[in-house]
């Protein structure tokens, strides 16, 4: 992949997964940064075995602020593209390569990998994804299949159009907020299907956070 692309992998207590993730990604990408949210297991010890950048927060700041850390690193080092993928093994480098190739070969500014086979997800995530998709289409008049997908790449020149404010209890909302901002600001967006792997059921949003996200999607639309 192009050397002007930075791949950011976000971790928290992923000692059982991160080695396999990095083995996979390092075969195809040169510039990789792991942003670790103060894991209390051996995640960072495993990361240090690979030729990647590592930033470890001294506090658990959540996914959203980890994404901001990666963005600031990318801007500082003058990368053109920033790609995100999760550190728990639910994303594969072949899908990341396809997402990157799509933005390289087109004039799109944001490319999102959407999980097509939702039956592979647990019931909570499957229902949540469908609800968000339908709500988004009604409010934003755009069919985005997976607004919460963590596998995506964007041209860093549009960061001020898509910049996200989610943090704290809303730290899982960044991907959705980026998507909402990109549509509102008429960014050029493409979507491609990716393989669907179910992560552990305890990961991701709970029902209360899901309801808050629905409210926030409405809020972002009008404010």
N, C-alpha and C. Protein backbone atom coordinates (compact mmCIF):
# COMPACT_ATOMS: atom_id res chain seq x y z
N UNK A 1 0.83 -1.20 0.00
CA UNK A 1 0.00 0.00 0.00
C UNK A 1 0.88 1.26 0.00
N UNK A 2 0.28 2.38 -0.32
CA UNK A 2 1.03 3.61 -0.46
C UNK A 2 1.65 4.05 0.86
N UNK A 3 2.84 4.66 0.76
CA UNK A 3 3.53 5.10 1.96
C UNK A 3 2.93 6.35 2.57
N UNK A 4 1.98 6.99 1.87
CA UNK A 4 1.35 8.16 2.45
C UNK A 4 0.09 7.81 3.24
N UNK A 5 -0.07 6.51 3.54
CA UNK A 5 -1.21 6.03 4.31
C UNK A 5 -0.77 5.55 5.69
N UNK A 6 -1.44 6.01 6.70
CA UNK A 6 -1.21 5.54 8.07
C UNK A 6 -2.39 4.68 8.49
N UNK A 7 -2.10 3.48 8.96
CA UNK A 7 -3.13 2.58 9.48
C UNK A 7 -3.11 2.68 11.00
N UNK A 8 -4.24 3.04 11.58
CA UNK A 8 -4.36 3.16 13.03
C UNK A 8 -5.18 2.00 13.58
N UNK A 9 -4.61 1.31 14.55
CA UNK A 9 -5.28 0.19 15.21
C UNK A 9 -5.46 0.57 16.68
N UNK A 10 -6.68 0.46 17.16
CA UNK A 10 -7.02 0.89 18.51
C UNK A 10 -7.16 -0.32 19.42
N UNK A 11 -6.53 -0.28 20.60
CA UNK A 11 -6.53 -1.45 21.46
C UNK A 11 -6.86 -1.10 22.91
N UNK A 12 -7.48 -2.06 23.56
CA UNK A 12 -7.64 -2.06 25.01
C UNK A 12 -7.78 -3.51 25.45
N UNK A 13 -6.79 -4.00 26.16
CA UNK A 13 -6.78 -5.38 26.66
C UNK A 13 -7.00 -6.39 25.52
N UNK A 14 -6.14 -6.33 24.51
CA UNK A 14 -6.25 -7.22 23.35
C UNK A 14 -5.05 -8.15 23.22
N UNK A 15 -4.48 -8.59 24.35
CA UNK A 15 -3.30 -9.44 24.28
C UNK A 15 -3.55 -10.75 23.54
N UNK A 16 -4.79 -11.21 23.52
CA UNK A 16 -5.10 -12.47 22.84
C UNK A 16 -5.31 -12.31 21.34
N UNK A 17 -5.46 -11.08 20.89
CA UNK A 17 -5.79 -10.84 19.48
C UNK A 17 -4.76 -10.03 18.72
N UNK A 18 -4.06 -9.12 19.40
CA UNK A 18 -3.29 -8.12 18.67
C UNK A 18 -2.13 -8.70 17.88
N UNK A 19 -1.52 -9.76 18.33
CA UNK A 19 -0.41 -10.35 17.57
C UNK A 19 -0.87 -10.85 16.20
N UNK A 20 -1.99 -11.54 16.18
CA UNK A 20 -2.52 -12.03 14.90
C UNK A 20 -2.94 -10.88 14.01
N UNK A 21 -3.52 -9.84 14.60
CA UNK A 21 -3.91 -8.67 13.82
C UNK A 21 -2.69 -8.03 13.17
N UNK A 22 -1.64 -7.84 13.95
CA UNK A 22 -0.45 -7.16 13.43
C UNK A 22 0.31 -8.03 12.42
N UNK A 23 0.34 -9.34 12.64
CA UNK A 23 0.96 -10.22 11.64
C UNK A 23 0.27 -10.05 10.30
N UNK A 24 -1.04 -9.98 10.34
CA UNK A 24 -1.84 -9.84 9.13
C UNK A 24 -1.60 -8.49 8.46
N UNK A 25 -1.65 -7.43 9.23
CA UNK A 25 -1.56 -6.09 8.66
C UNK A 25 -0.13 -5.75 8.21
N UNK A 26 0.86 -6.19 8.96
CA UNK A 26 2.24 -5.85 8.63
C UNK A 26 2.70 -6.48 7.31
N UNK A 27 2.01 -7.49 6.84
CA UNK A 27 2.36 -8.11 5.56
C UNK A 27 2.03 -7.19 4.39
N UNK A 28 1.11 -6.25 4.60
CA UNK A 28 0.63 -5.44 3.48
C UNK A 28 0.77 -3.94 3.67
N UNK A 29 1.10 -3.49 4.88
CA UNK A 29 1.19 -2.07 5.15
C UNK A 29 2.50 -1.75 5.86
N UNK A 30 3.04 -0.58 5.52
CA UNK A 30 4.33 -0.17 6.10
C UNK A 30 4.17 0.74 7.31
N UNK A 31 3.17 1.59 7.28
CA UNK A 31 3.03 2.60 8.33
C UNK A 31 1.81 2.30 9.20
N UNK A 32 2.08 1.80 10.38
CA UNK A 32 1.03 1.35 11.28
C UNK A 32 1.26 1.96 12.66
N UNK A 33 0.20 2.46 13.25
CA UNK A 33 0.28 2.94 14.62
C UNK A 33 -0.76 2.23 15.47
N UNK A 34 -0.34 1.78 16.62
CA UNK A 34 -1.26 1.22 17.60
C UNK A 34 -1.45 2.26 18.71
N UNK A 35 -2.69 2.64 18.93
CA UNK A 35 -3.01 3.54 20.04
C UNK A 35 -3.67 2.70 21.12
N UNK A 36 -2.96 2.55 22.22
CA UNK A 36 -3.45 1.69 23.30
C UNK A 36 -4.02 2.53 24.43
N UNK A 37 -5.18 2.11 24.92
CA UNK A 37 -5.91 2.86 25.93
C UNK A 37 -5.58 2.39 27.34
N UNK A 38 -4.27 2.37 27.65
CA UNK A 38 -3.83 1.98 28.99
C UNK A 38 -4.30 0.58 29.35
N UNK A 39 -4.02 -0.36 28.46
CA UNK A 39 -4.37 -1.76 28.74
C UNK A 39 -3.70 -2.24 30.02
N UNK A 40 -4.39 -3.08 30.75
CA UNK A 40 -3.83 -3.60 32.00
C UNK A 40 -3.34 -5.04 31.82
N UNK A 41 -3.36 -5.52 30.58
CA UNK A 41 -2.82 -6.85 30.29
C UNK A 41 -1.52 -6.69 29.51
N UNK A 42 -1.15 -7.65 28.70
CA UNK A 42 0.13 -7.62 27.98
C UNK A 42 0.00 -7.13 26.54
N UNK A 43 -1.01 -6.34 26.26
CA UNK A 43 -1.21 -5.86 24.90
C UNK A 43 0.02 -5.13 24.37
N UNK A 44 0.51 -4.16 25.11
CA UNK A 44 1.63 -3.36 24.61
C UNK A 44 2.90 -4.19 24.50
N UNK A 45 3.05 -5.18 25.35
CA UNK A 45 4.21 -6.08 25.25
C UNK A 45 4.18 -6.83 23.93
N UNK A 46 3.01 -7.27 23.52
CA UNK A 46 2.87 -7.95 22.24
C UNK A 46 3.10 -7.00 21.07
N UNK A 47 2.60 -5.78 21.19
CA UNK A 47 2.75 -4.79 20.11
C UNK A 47 4.21 -4.49 19.84
N UNK A 48 5.01 -4.43 20.89
CA UNK A 48 6.43 -4.07 20.75
C UNK A 48 7.24 -5.12 19.98
N UNK A 49 6.66 -6.26 19.70
CA UNK A 49 7.34 -7.28 18.90
C UNK A 49 7.28 -6.98 17.41
N UNK A 50 6.53 -5.95 17.03
CA UNK A 50 6.29 -5.65 15.62
C UNK A 50 6.84 -4.27 15.27
N UNK A 51 7.18 -4.06 13.99
CA UNK A 51 7.74 -2.76 13.55
C UNK A 51 6.65 -1.72 13.32
N UNK A 52 6.02 -1.29 14.40
CA UNK A 52 4.92 -0.33 14.32
C UNK A 52 5.14 0.78 15.33
N UNK A 53 4.50 1.90 15.10
CA UNK A 53 4.48 2.97 16.09
C UNK A 53 3.52 2.57 17.21
N UNK A 54 3.83 3.00 18.43
CA UNK A 54 2.97 2.70 19.57
C UNK A 54 2.82 3.95 20.42
N UNK A 55 1.58 4.34 20.67
CA UNK A 55 1.28 5.40 21.63
C UNK A 55 0.37 4.78 22.68
N UNK A 56 0.77 4.91 23.93
CA UNK A 56 -0.02 4.34 25.03
C UNK A 56 -0.53 5.46 25.91
N UNK A 57 -1.84 5.60 25.99
CA UNK A 57 -2.43 6.60 26.87
C UNK A 57 -2.17 6.21 28.33
N UNK A 58 -1.96 7.19 29.16
CA UNK A 58 -1.74 6.88 30.58
C UNK A 58 -3.07 6.71 31.31
N UNK A 59 -4.16 7.08 30.66
CA UNK A 59 -5.50 6.81 31.16
C UNK A 59 -6.33 6.22 30.02
N UNK A 60 -7.39 5.51 30.36
CA UNK A 60 -8.28 4.98 29.33
C UNK A 60 -9.19 6.11 28.87
N UNK A 61 -8.92 6.64 27.69
CA UNK A 61 -9.66 7.78 27.16
C UNK A 61 -10.82 7.37 26.26
N UNK A 62 -10.93 6.07 25.95
CA UNK A 62 -12.00 5.61 25.08
C UNK A 62 -11.60 5.64 23.61
N UNK A 63 -12.42 5.01 22.79
CA UNK A 63 -12.11 4.87 21.37
C UNK A 63 -12.03 6.22 20.66
N UNK A 64 -12.99 7.09 20.91
CA UNK A 64 -13.04 8.36 20.19
C UNK A 64 -11.76 9.17 20.35
N UNK A 65 -11.27 9.29 21.57
CA UNK A 65 -10.05 10.07 21.79
C UNK A 65 -8.81 9.33 21.29
N UNK A 66 -8.85 8.01 21.25
CA UNK A 66 -7.76 7.26 20.62
C UNK A 66 -7.70 7.57 19.13
N UNK A 67 -8.86 7.71 18.51
CA UNK A 67 -8.90 8.07 17.10
C UNK A 67 -8.33 9.48 16.89
N UNK A 68 -8.61 10.38 17.82
CA UNK A 68 -8.06 11.73 17.72
C UNK A 68 -6.55 11.72 17.86
N UNK A 69 -6.04 10.86 18.75
CA UNK A 69 -4.59 10.73 18.89
C UNK A 69 -3.95 10.28 17.58
N UNK A 70 -4.57 9.30 16.93
CA UNK A 70 -4.06 8.81 15.65
C UNK A 70 -4.11 9.91 14.59
N UNK A 71 -5.19 10.68 14.58
CA UNK A 71 -5.32 11.77 13.61
C UNK A 71 -4.23 12.82 13.82
N UNK A 72 -3.97 13.20 15.06
CA UNK A 72 -2.94 14.20 15.32
C UNK A 72 -1.57 13.68 14.91
N UNK A 73 -1.30 12.41 15.14
CA UNK A 73 -0.04 11.81 14.72
C UNK A 73 0.08 11.85 13.20
N UNK A 74 -1.00 11.52 12.50
CA UNK A 74 -1.00 11.51 11.04
C UNK A 74 -0.77 12.92 10.48
N UNK A 75 -1.43 13.91 11.06
CA UNK A 75 -1.25 15.29 10.61
C UNK A 75 0.18 15.76 10.85
N UNK A 76 0.70 15.46 12.03
CA UNK A 76 2.05 15.88 12.39
C UNK A 76 3.09 15.29 11.44
N UNK A 77 2.86 14.06 11.01
CA UNK A 77 3.82 13.38 10.14
C UNK A 77 3.45 13.45 8.66
N UNK A 78 2.46 14.28 8.35
CA UNK A 78 2.10 14.63 6.97
C UNK A 78 1.69 13.44 6.12
N UNK A 79 0.92 12.53 6.69
CA UNK A 79 0.31 11.47 5.88
C UNK A 79 -0.87 12.06 5.12
N UNK A 80 -1.17 11.47 3.98
CA UNK A 80 -2.30 11.92 3.18
C UNK A 80 -3.59 11.22 3.59
N UNK A 81 -3.48 9.95 3.94
CA UNK A 81 -4.66 9.14 4.28
C UNK A 81 -4.50 8.55 5.68
N UNK A 82 -5.63 8.43 6.36
CA UNK A 82 -5.67 7.77 7.66
C UNK A 82 -6.73 6.68 7.61
N UNK A 83 -6.32 5.45 7.89
CA UNK A 83 -7.24 4.31 7.90
C UNK A 83 -7.38 3.81 9.33
N UNK A 84 -8.57 3.35 9.66
CA UNK A 84 -8.82 2.79 10.98
C UNK A 84 -9.27 1.34 10.86
N UNK A 85 -8.81 0.52 11.80
CA UNK A 85 -9.34 -0.83 11.94
C UNK A 85 -9.27 -1.22 13.41
N UNK A 86 -10.11 -2.15 13.82
CA UNK A 86 -10.15 -2.56 15.22
C UNK A 86 -9.04 -3.55 15.53
N UNK A 87 -8.68 -3.62 16.81
CA UNK A 87 -7.59 -4.49 17.23
C UNK A 87 -8.03 -5.83 17.77
N UNK A 88 -9.32 -6.16 17.62
CA UNK A 88 -9.82 -7.40 18.21
C UNK A 88 -9.94 -8.54 17.21
N UNK A 89 -9.49 -8.32 15.98
CA UNK A 89 -9.48 -9.40 15.00
C UNK A 89 -10.71 -9.47 14.12
N UNK A 90 -11.67 -8.58 14.29
CA UNK A 90 -12.88 -8.67 13.47
C UNK A 90 -12.69 -8.05 12.08
N UNK A 91 -11.56 -7.39 11.85
CA UNK A 91 -11.24 -6.86 10.53
C UNK A 91 -9.99 -7.56 10.00
N UNK A 92 -9.94 -7.75 8.68
CA UNK A 92 -8.81 -8.41 8.04
C UNK A 92 -8.12 -7.45 7.08
N UNK A 93 -6.81 -7.67 6.89
CA UNK A 93 -6.04 -6.74 6.06
C UNK A 93 -6.48 -6.76 4.61
N UNK A 94 -7.01 -7.89 4.13
CA UNK A 94 -7.46 -7.94 2.74
C UNK A 94 -8.61 -6.95 2.52
N UNK A 95 -9.49 -6.84 3.50
CA UNK A 95 -10.58 -5.87 3.40
C UNK A 95 -10.05 -4.44 3.53
N UNK A 96 -9.08 -4.25 4.40
CA UNK A 96 -8.48 -2.93 4.53
C UNK A 96 -7.79 -2.53 3.23
N UNK A 97 -7.12 -3.46 2.59
CA UNK A 97 -6.48 -3.18 1.30
C UNK A 97 -7.51 -2.76 0.25
N UNK A 98 -8.64 -3.44 0.23
CA UNK A 98 -9.68 -3.10 -0.75
C UNK A 98 -10.26 -1.71 -0.49
N UNK A 99 -10.45 -1.39 0.79
CA UNK A 99 -10.95 -0.06 1.15
C UNK A 99 -9.95 1.01 0.73
N UNK A 100 -8.66 0.76 0.98
CA UNK A 100 -7.63 1.72 0.60
C UNK A 100 -7.54 1.88 -0.91
N UNK A 101 -7.59 0.76 -1.61
CA UNK A 101 -7.49 0.82 -3.07
C UNK A 101 -8.63 1.64 -3.66
N UNK A 102 -9.79 1.54 -3.07
CA UNK A 102 -10.94 2.29 -3.56
C UNK A 102 -10.70 3.80 -3.45
N UNK A 103 -10.11 4.25 -2.37
CA UNK A 103 -9.86 5.69 -2.25
C UNK A 103 -8.70 6.13 -3.12
N UNK A 104 -7.71 5.23 -3.33
CA UNK A 104 -6.59 5.57 -4.20
C UNK A 104 -7.05 5.74 -5.65
N UNK A 105 -7.95 4.91 -6.08
CA UNK A 105 -8.33 4.82 -7.49
C UNK A 105 -9.48 5.74 -7.88
N UNK A 106 -10.04 6.45 -6.92
CA UNK A 106 -11.19 7.32 -7.19
C UNK A 106 -10.92 8.69 -6.57
N UNK A 107 -11.89 9.57 -6.73
CA UNK A 107 -11.76 10.89 -6.10
C UNK A 107 -12.55 10.96 -4.80
N UNK A 108 -12.88 9.80 -4.24
CA UNK A 108 -13.61 9.78 -2.98
C UNK A 108 -12.73 10.27 -1.83
N UNK A 109 -13.40 10.84 -0.83
CA UNK A 109 -12.68 11.37 0.33
C UNK A 109 -12.82 10.51 1.57
N UNK A 110 -13.84 9.66 1.57
CA UNK A 110 -14.08 8.73 2.67
C UNK A 110 -14.59 7.43 2.09
N UNK A 111 -13.98 6.33 2.48
CA UNK A 111 -14.44 5.01 2.05
C UNK A 111 -14.71 4.18 3.31
N UNK A 112 -15.89 3.62 3.38
CA UNK A 112 -16.34 2.85 4.53
C UNK A 112 -16.52 1.39 4.14
N UNK A 113 -15.97 0.50 4.93
CA UNK A 113 -16.22 -0.93 4.73
C UNK A 113 -17.44 -1.33 5.52
N UNK A 114 -18.46 -1.82 4.83
CA UNK A 114 -19.69 -2.17 5.55
C UNK A 114 -19.84 -3.68 5.68
N UNK A 115 -20.33 -4.07 6.85
CA UNK A 115 -20.56 -5.48 7.14
C UNK A 115 -21.84 -5.92 6.45
N UNK A 116 -21.69 -6.76 5.44
CA UNK A 116 -22.82 -7.13 4.60
C UNK A 116 -23.63 -8.28 5.19
N UNK A 117 -22.95 -9.30 5.73
CA UNK A 117 -23.63 -10.48 6.24
C UNK A 117 -23.91 -10.30 7.73
N UNK A 118 -24.97 -9.57 8.02
CA UNK A 118 -25.25 -9.21 9.40
C UNK A 118 -25.63 -10.41 10.26
N UNK A 119 -26.04 -11.51 9.64
CA UNK A 119 -26.42 -12.68 10.45
C UNK A 119 -25.21 -13.25 11.18
N UNK A 120 -24.00 -12.85 10.78
CA UNK A 120 -22.81 -13.30 11.50
C UNK A 120 -22.60 -12.54 12.81
N UNK A 121 -23.32 -11.44 12.99
CA UNK A 121 -23.21 -10.67 14.22
C UNK A 121 -24.16 -11.21 15.27
N UNK A 122 -23.86 -10.91 16.54
CA UNK A 122 -24.82 -11.29 17.57
C UNK A 122 -26.07 -10.44 17.42
N UNK A 123 -27.17 -10.88 18.03
CA UNK A 123 -28.48 -10.26 17.81
C UNK A 123 -28.47 -8.78 18.14
N UNK A 124 -27.83 -8.40 19.24
CA UNK A 124 -27.81 -7.00 19.65
C UNK A 124 -27.19 -6.12 18.58
N UNK A 125 -26.05 -6.54 18.05
CA UNK A 125 -25.35 -5.73 17.05
C UNK A 125 -26.09 -5.75 15.71
N UNK A 126 -26.69 -6.88 15.39
CA UNK A 126 -27.42 -6.99 14.13
C UNK A 126 -28.61 -6.03 14.12
N UNK A 127 -29.41 -6.07 15.18
CA UNK A 127 -30.58 -5.21 15.27
C UNK A 127 -30.16 -3.74 15.32
N UNK A 128 -29.13 -3.46 16.09
CA UNK A 128 -28.66 -2.08 16.21
C UNK A 128 -28.18 -1.51 14.89
N UNK A 129 -27.46 -2.31 14.12
CA UNK A 129 -26.96 -1.86 12.81
C UNK A 129 -28.10 -1.54 11.87
N UNK A 130 -29.12 -2.39 11.85
CA UNK A 130 -30.27 -2.18 10.97
C UNK A 130 -31.05 -0.92 11.37
N UNK A 131 -31.26 -0.74 12.67
CA UNK A 131 -31.99 0.44 13.14
C UNK A 131 -31.26 1.72 12.75
N UNK A 132 -29.93 1.74 12.97
CA UNK A 132 -29.16 2.94 12.64
C UNK A 132 -29.17 3.21 11.14
N UNK A 133 -29.10 2.16 10.35
CA UNK A 133 -29.12 2.32 8.90
C UNK A 133 -30.42 2.98 8.44
N UNK A 134 -31.54 2.49 8.95
CA UNK A 134 -32.84 3.01 8.52
C UNK A 134 -33.06 4.43 9.05
N UNK A 135 -32.67 4.69 10.28
CA UNK A 135 -32.81 6.04 10.84
C UNK A 135 -31.96 7.03 10.05
N UNK A 136 -30.75 6.62 9.73
CA UNK A 136 -29.84 7.50 9.00
C UNK A 136 -30.41 7.85 7.63
N UNK A 137 -30.98 6.86 6.96
CA UNK A 137 -31.52 7.11 5.62
C UNK A 137 -32.68 8.10 5.66
N UNK A 138 -33.52 7.99 6.68
CA UNK A 138 -34.64 8.92 6.81
C UNK A 138 -34.16 10.34 7.09
N UNK A 139 -33.21 10.48 8.01
CA UNK A 139 -32.76 11.79 8.44
C UNK A 139 -31.82 12.47 7.47
N UNK A 140 -30.91 11.69 6.88
CA UNK A 140 -29.84 12.27 6.07
C UNK A 140 -30.05 12.06 4.57
N UNK A 141 -31.10 11.32 4.22
CA UNK A 141 -31.42 11.08 2.81
C UNK A 141 -30.23 10.45 2.07
N UNK A 142 -29.57 9.55 2.73
CA UNK A 142 -28.42 8.86 2.12
C UNK A 142 -28.36 7.44 2.68
N UNK A 143 -28.21 6.46 1.82
CA UNK A 143 -28.16 5.09 2.28
C UNK A 143 -26.73 4.70 2.59
N UNK A 144 -26.41 4.76 3.87
CA UNK A 144 -25.11 4.30 4.35
C UNK A 144 -25.39 3.01 5.12
N UNK A 145 -24.82 1.92 4.67
CA UNK A 145 -25.18 0.62 5.21
C UNK A 145 -24.71 0.40 6.65
N UNK A 146 -23.56 0.96 7.00
CA UNK A 146 -22.96 0.63 8.30
C UNK A 146 -22.27 1.87 8.85
N UNK A 147 -23.04 2.80 9.40
CA UNK A 147 -22.47 4.08 9.82
C UNK A 147 -21.49 3.93 10.97
N UNK A 148 -21.55 2.79 11.68
CA UNK A 148 -20.69 2.56 12.83
C UNK A 148 -19.46 1.71 12.49
N UNK A 149 -19.27 1.37 11.23
CA UNK A 149 -18.16 0.51 10.87
C UNK A 149 -16.83 1.12 11.30
N UNK A 150 -15.99 0.30 11.93
CA UNK A 150 -14.68 0.77 12.36
C UNK A 150 -13.60 0.60 11.32
N UNK A 151 -13.94 0.03 10.17
CA UNK A 151 -12.97 -0.14 9.08
C UNK A 151 -13.27 0.92 8.03
N UNK A 152 -12.40 1.91 7.94
CA UNK A 152 -12.63 3.02 7.04
C UNK A 152 -11.32 3.76 6.77
N UNK A 153 -11.32 4.56 5.73
CA UNK A 153 -10.17 5.40 5.41
C UNK A 153 -10.68 6.74 4.91
N UNK A 154 -9.96 7.81 5.25
CA UNK A 154 -10.34 9.11 4.73
C UNK A 154 -9.11 9.93 4.37
N UNK A 155 -9.34 10.88 3.48
CA UNK A 155 -8.31 11.84 3.10
C UNK A 155 -8.20 12.85 4.24
N UNK A 156 -7.01 13.00 4.79
CA UNK A 156 -6.83 13.83 5.98
C UNK A 156 -7.15 15.30 5.69
N UNK A 157 -7.13 15.70 4.42
CA UNK A 157 -7.45 17.10 4.09
C UNK A 157 -8.87 17.48 4.47
N UNK A 158 -9.76 16.50 4.70
CA UNK A 158 -11.16 16.81 5.06
C UNK A 158 -11.40 16.70 6.56
N UNK A 159 -10.34 16.61 7.35
CA UNK A 159 -10.54 16.35 8.78
C UNK A 159 -11.40 17.42 9.45
N UNK A 160 -11.28 18.66 8.99
CA UNK A 160 -12.08 19.72 9.61
C UNK A 160 -13.56 19.61 9.27
N UNK A 161 -13.91 18.85 8.22
CA UNK A 161 -15.31 18.64 7.86
C UNK A 161 -15.93 17.47 8.62
N UNK A 162 -15.08 16.54 9.05
CA UNK A 162 -15.61 15.32 9.68
C UNK A 162 -15.23 15.20 11.14
N UNK A 163 -14.54 16.21 11.67
CA UNK A 163 -14.00 16.09 13.04
C UNK A 163 -15.09 15.78 14.05
N UNK A 164 -14.80 14.88 14.94
CA UNK A 164 -15.80 14.38 15.88
C UNK A 164 -15.55 14.91 17.28
N UNK A 165 -16.61 15.11 18.02
CA UNK A 165 -16.53 15.63 19.39
C UNK A 165 -16.87 14.56 20.42
N UNK A 166 -17.32 13.42 19.98
CA UNK A 166 -17.72 12.35 20.92
C UNK A 166 -16.57 11.98 21.84
N UNK A 167 -16.89 11.79 23.11
CA UNK A 167 -15.89 11.36 24.09
C UNK A 167 -16.65 10.87 25.32
N UNK A 168 -15.91 10.51 26.35
CA UNK A 168 -16.54 10.06 27.59
C UNK A 168 -17.44 8.86 27.36
N UNK A 169 -18.66 8.90 27.90
CA UNK A 169 -19.58 7.78 27.75
C UNK A 169 -19.95 7.55 26.28
N UNK A 170 -19.75 8.59 25.46
CA UNK A 170 -20.09 8.50 24.04
C UNK A 170 -18.89 8.11 23.18
N UNK A 171 -17.88 7.51 23.77
CA UNK A 171 -16.64 7.29 23.02
C UNK A 171 -16.78 6.30 21.88
N UNK A 172 -17.84 5.51 21.87
CA UNK A 172 -18.07 4.58 20.75
C UNK A 172 -18.75 5.27 19.56
N UNK A 173 -19.09 6.54 19.69
CA UNK A 173 -19.91 7.20 18.69
C UNK A 173 -19.11 7.83 17.56
N UNK A 174 -17.80 7.83 17.64
CA UNK A 174 -16.99 8.60 16.70
C UNK A 174 -17.23 8.20 15.25
N UNK A 175 -17.29 6.89 14.98
CA UNK A 175 -17.47 6.45 13.59
C UNK A 175 -18.79 6.97 13.03
N UNK A 176 -19.85 6.90 13.82
CA UNK A 176 -21.15 7.41 13.38
C UNK A 176 -21.11 8.92 13.19
N UNK A 177 -20.45 9.62 14.10
CA UNK A 177 -20.38 11.08 13.99
C UNK A 177 -19.60 11.50 12.75
N UNK A 178 -18.50 10.79 12.46
CA UNK A 178 -17.74 11.06 11.25
C UNK A 178 -18.62 10.89 10.01
N UNK A 179 -19.39 9.81 10.00
CA UNK A 179 -20.27 9.54 8.87
C UNK A 179 -21.31 10.64 8.72
N UNK A 180 -21.92 11.04 9.82
CA UNK A 180 -22.93 12.10 9.78
C UNK A 180 -22.31 13.41 9.27
N UNK A 181 -21.15 13.76 9.78
CA UNK A 181 -20.51 15.00 9.37
C UNK A 181 -20.11 14.97 7.90
N UNK A 182 -19.64 13.81 7.45
CA UNK A 182 -19.22 13.69 6.05
C UNK A 182 -20.40 13.89 5.10
N UNK A 183 -21.55 13.32 5.44
CA UNK A 183 -22.73 13.48 4.60
C UNK A 183 -23.22 14.93 4.65
N UNK A 184 -23.28 15.51 5.84
CA UNK A 184 -23.75 16.89 5.97
C UNK A 184 -22.88 17.87 5.20
N UNK A 185 -21.58 17.58 5.10
CA UNK A 185 -20.65 18.48 4.44
C UNK A 185 -20.32 18.07 3.01
N UNK A 186 -21.17 17.19 2.46
CA UNK A 186 -21.07 16.81 1.05
C UNK A 186 -19.71 16.23 0.67
N UNK A 187 -19.12 15.48 1.59
CA UNK A 187 -17.89 14.78 1.25
C UNK A 187 -18.22 13.63 0.27
N UNK A 188 -17.26 13.30 -0.55
CA UNK A 188 -17.44 12.21 -1.51
C UNK A 188 -17.19 10.88 -0.79
N UNK A 189 -18.23 10.05 -0.73
CA UNK A 189 -18.20 8.83 0.08
C UNK A 189 -18.47 7.62 -0.79
N UNK A 190 -17.71 6.56 -0.54
CA UNK A 190 -17.93 5.27 -1.19
C UNK A 190 -18.02 4.20 -0.11
N UNK A 191 -18.73 3.12 -0.42
CA UNK A 191 -18.87 1.99 0.51
C UNK A 191 -18.54 0.70 -0.23
N UNK A 192 -17.83 -0.19 0.44
CA UNK A 192 -17.58 -1.50 -0.15
C UNK A 192 -17.81 -2.57 0.92
N UNK A 193 -18.32 -3.73 0.51
CA UNK A 193 -18.59 -4.79 1.50
C UNK A 193 -17.31 -5.41 2.04
N UNK A 194 -17.35 -5.79 3.29
CA UNK A 194 -16.23 -6.48 3.93
C UNK A 194 -16.76 -7.73 4.63
N UNK A 195 -15.85 -8.63 4.95
CA UNK A 195 -16.24 -9.83 5.69
C UNK A 195 -16.75 -9.43 7.07
N UNK A 196 -17.67 -10.21 7.58
CA UNK A 196 -18.29 -9.91 8.87
C UNK A 196 -17.88 -10.97 9.88
N UNK A 197 -17.18 -10.52 10.92
CA UNK A 197 -16.78 -11.41 12.00
C UNK A 197 -17.35 -10.86 13.30
N UNK A 198 -17.89 -11.71 14.09
CA UNK A 198 -18.49 -11.27 15.35
C UNK A 198 -17.42 -11.14 16.42
N UNK A 199 -17.39 -9.99 17.10
CA UNK A 199 -16.50 -9.83 18.24
C UNK A 199 -17.19 -10.34 19.49
N UNK A 200 -16.48 -10.33 20.62
CA UNK A 200 -17.06 -10.80 21.86
C UNK A 200 -18.32 -10.00 22.18
N UNK A 201 -19.31 -10.67 22.76
CA UNK A 201 -20.61 -10.04 23.00
C UNK A 201 -20.53 -8.89 24.01
N UNK A 202 -19.50 -8.90 24.87
CA UNK A 202 -19.42 -7.85 25.89
C UNK A 202 -18.83 -6.56 25.33
N UNK A 203 -18.31 -6.61 24.11
CA UNK A 203 -17.68 -5.42 23.53
C UNK A 203 -18.72 -4.57 22.81
N UNK A 204 -18.38 -3.28 22.67
CA UNK A 204 -19.28 -2.38 21.96
C UNK A 204 -20.29 -1.74 22.90
N UNK A 205 -21.30 -1.15 22.32
CA UNK A 205 -22.27 -0.37 23.08
C UNK A 205 -23.28 -1.25 23.79
N UNK A 206 -23.74 -0.77 24.94
CA UNK A 206 -24.87 -1.41 25.59
C UNK A 206 -26.15 -0.72 25.11
N UNK A 207 -27.29 -1.17 25.61
CA UNK A 207 -28.57 -0.64 25.13
C UNK A 207 -28.72 0.85 25.44
N UNK A 208 -28.28 1.27 26.62
CA UNK A 208 -28.39 2.69 26.98
C UNK A 208 -27.55 3.54 26.02
N UNK A 209 -26.33 3.11 25.73
CA UNK A 209 -25.49 3.85 24.80
C UNK A 209 -26.12 3.87 23.40
N UNK A 210 -26.75 2.76 23.02
CA UNK A 210 -27.42 2.71 21.72
C UNK A 210 -28.52 3.73 21.62
N UNK A 211 -29.31 3.88 22.69
CA UNK A 211 -30.39 4.87 22.69
C UNK A 211 -29.83 6.29 22.65
N UNK A 212 -28.73 6.50 23.35
CA UNK A 212 -28.10 7.83 23.32
C UNK A 212 -27.59 8.12 21.91
N UNK A 213 -27.03 7.11 21.25
CA UNK A 213 -26.53 7.32 19.89
C UNK A 213 -27.66 7.70 18.94
N UNK A 214 -28.81 7.07 19.09
CA UNK A 214 -29.96 7.44 18.25
C UNK A 214 -30.30 8.92 18.45
N UNK A 215 -30.32 9.35 19.70
CA UNK A 215 -30.57 10.77 19.98
C UNK A 215 -29.51 11.66 19.34
N UNK A 216 -28.24 11.24 19.43
CA UNK A 216 -27.14 12.05 18.91
C UNK A 216 -27.20 12.15 17.39
N UNK A 217 -27.61 11.08 16.71
CA UNK A 217 -27.73 11.13 15.25
C UNK A 217 -28.77 12.16 14.84
N UNK A 218 -29.85 12.23 15.60
CA UNK A 218 -30.87 13.25 15.35
C UNK A 218 -30.30 14.65 15.65
N UNK A 219 -29.60 14.77 16.74
CA UNK A 219 -28.99 16.05 17.14
C UNK A 219 -28.00 16.55 16.09
N UNK A 220 -27.10 15.65 15.64
CA UNK A 220 -26.10 16.04 14.65
C UNK A 220 -26.75 16.48 13.34
N UNK A 221 -27.88 15.88 13.02
CA UNK A 221 -28.54 16.22 11.76
C UNK A 221 -28.98 17.70 11.73
N UNK A 222 -29.46 18.19 12.85
CA UNK A 222 -30.05 19.52 12.85
C UNK A 222 -29.16 20.59 13.51
N UNK A 223 -28.10 20.13 14.20
CA UNK A 223 -27.22 21.10 14.86
C UNK A 223 -25.77 20.84 14.47
